[in-house]
Amino acid sequence: MVLVFASANVNHHAKFVDTKTVLTEIDSEPFGNVILSAVQAHLQAKTPADEVNILLNAIVAGIV
C-alpha cells in the first residue's frame, strides 16, 4: 500500500519528494520490500526497462 500512496503522492503533488526517503519507506513494509526486491532482480538481470514497467503496472493493477 505504501508503494501506491507514494506513487500517488509523487504523481499528484508538485512539491519535491526525496526519492531515497520514499524508497526507504516502501522498503520498510513487507509488501514494498518484495516489490523492490523483484525490481532489483529484474535490473540485475539487465531486463529491459519496459519489462520492469510492465511488472510494476501489473502489480498496481492487481492492487486496484
Protein backbone atom coordinates (compact mmCIF):
# COMPACT_ATOMS: atom_id res chain seq x y z
CA MET A 1 0.00 0.00 0.00
CA VAL A 2 2.85 2.37 0.74
CA LEU A 3 4.01 1.99 -2.85
CA VAL A 4 0.60 3.01 -4.17
CA PHE A 5 0.39 6.01 -1.85
CA ALA A 6 3.97 7.05 -2.54
CA SER A 7 3.36 6.77 -6.26
CA ALA A 8 0.16 8.79 -5.97
CA ASN A 9 1.93 11.39 -3.86
CA VAL A 10 4.72 11.81 -6.40
CA ASN A 11 2.30 11.96 -9.33
CA HIS A 12 -0.23 14.38 -7.81
CA HIS A 13 1.88 16.83 -5.82
CA ALA A 14 4.20 19.37 -7.37
CA LYS A 15 6.46 19.58 -4.31
CA PHE A 16 9.82 17.80 -4.32
CA VAL A 17 9.85 14.36 -2.73
CA ASP A 18 13.18 12.85 -1.76
CA THR A 19 13.41 9.59 -3.71
CA LYS A 20 15.66 7.91 -1.16
CA THR A 21 13.17 8.69 1.64
CA VAL A 22 10.26 7.32 -0.38
CA LEU A 23 12.16 4.15 -1.27
CA THR A 24 13.17 3.67 2.38
CA GLU A 25 9.53 3.96 3.43
CA ILE A 26 8.47 1.47 0.77
CA ASP A 27 11.25 -0.95 1.71
CA SER A 28 10.27 -0.84 5.38
CA GLU A 29 6.95 -2.55 4.58
CA PRO A 30 6.98 -6.30 3.83
CA PHE A 31 4.97 -5.92 0.61
CA GLY A 32 7.08 -2.96 -0.50
CA ASN A 33 10.25 -4.93 0.18
CA VAL A 34 9.00 -7.76 -2.04
CA ILE A 35 8.26 -5.32 -4.85
CA LEU A 36 11.63 -3.59 -4.59
CA SER A 37 13.38 -6.97 -4.46
CA ALA A 38 11.58 -8.02 -7.66
CA VAL A 39 12.58 -4.78 -9.38
CA GLN A 40 16.17 -5.20 -8.17
CA ALA A 41 16.28 -8.78 -9.53
CA HIS A 42 14.98 -7.58 -12.91
CA LEU A 43 17.55 -4.78 -13.04
CA GLN A 44 20.42 -7.08 -12.03
CA ALA A 45 19.36 -9.47 -14.80
CA LYS A 46 19.56 -6.49 -17.16
CA THR A 47 15.89 -6.86 -18.04
CA PRO A 48 14.76 -4.08 -20.41
CA ALA A 49 13.22 -1.12 -18.60
CA ASP A 50 9.89 -1.58 -20.37
CA GLU A 51 9.58 -5.07 -18.84
CA VAL A 52 10.19 -3.60 -15.37
CA ASN A 53 7.44 -1.05 -16.11
CA ILE A 54 5.12 -3.89 -17.15
CA LEU A 55 5.88 -5.68 -13.87
CA LEU A 56 5.11 -2.55 -11.81
CA ASN A 57 1.94 -1.81 -13.77
CA ALA A 58 0.75 -5.39 -13.25
CA ILE A 59 1.35 -5.10 -9.51
CA VAL A 60 -0.53 -1.80 -9.29
CA ALA A 61 -3.39 -3.19 -11.40
CA GLY A 62 -3.59 -6.18 -9.10
CA ILE A 63 -3.86 -3.93 -6.06
CA VAL A 64 -6.53 -1.72 -7.59
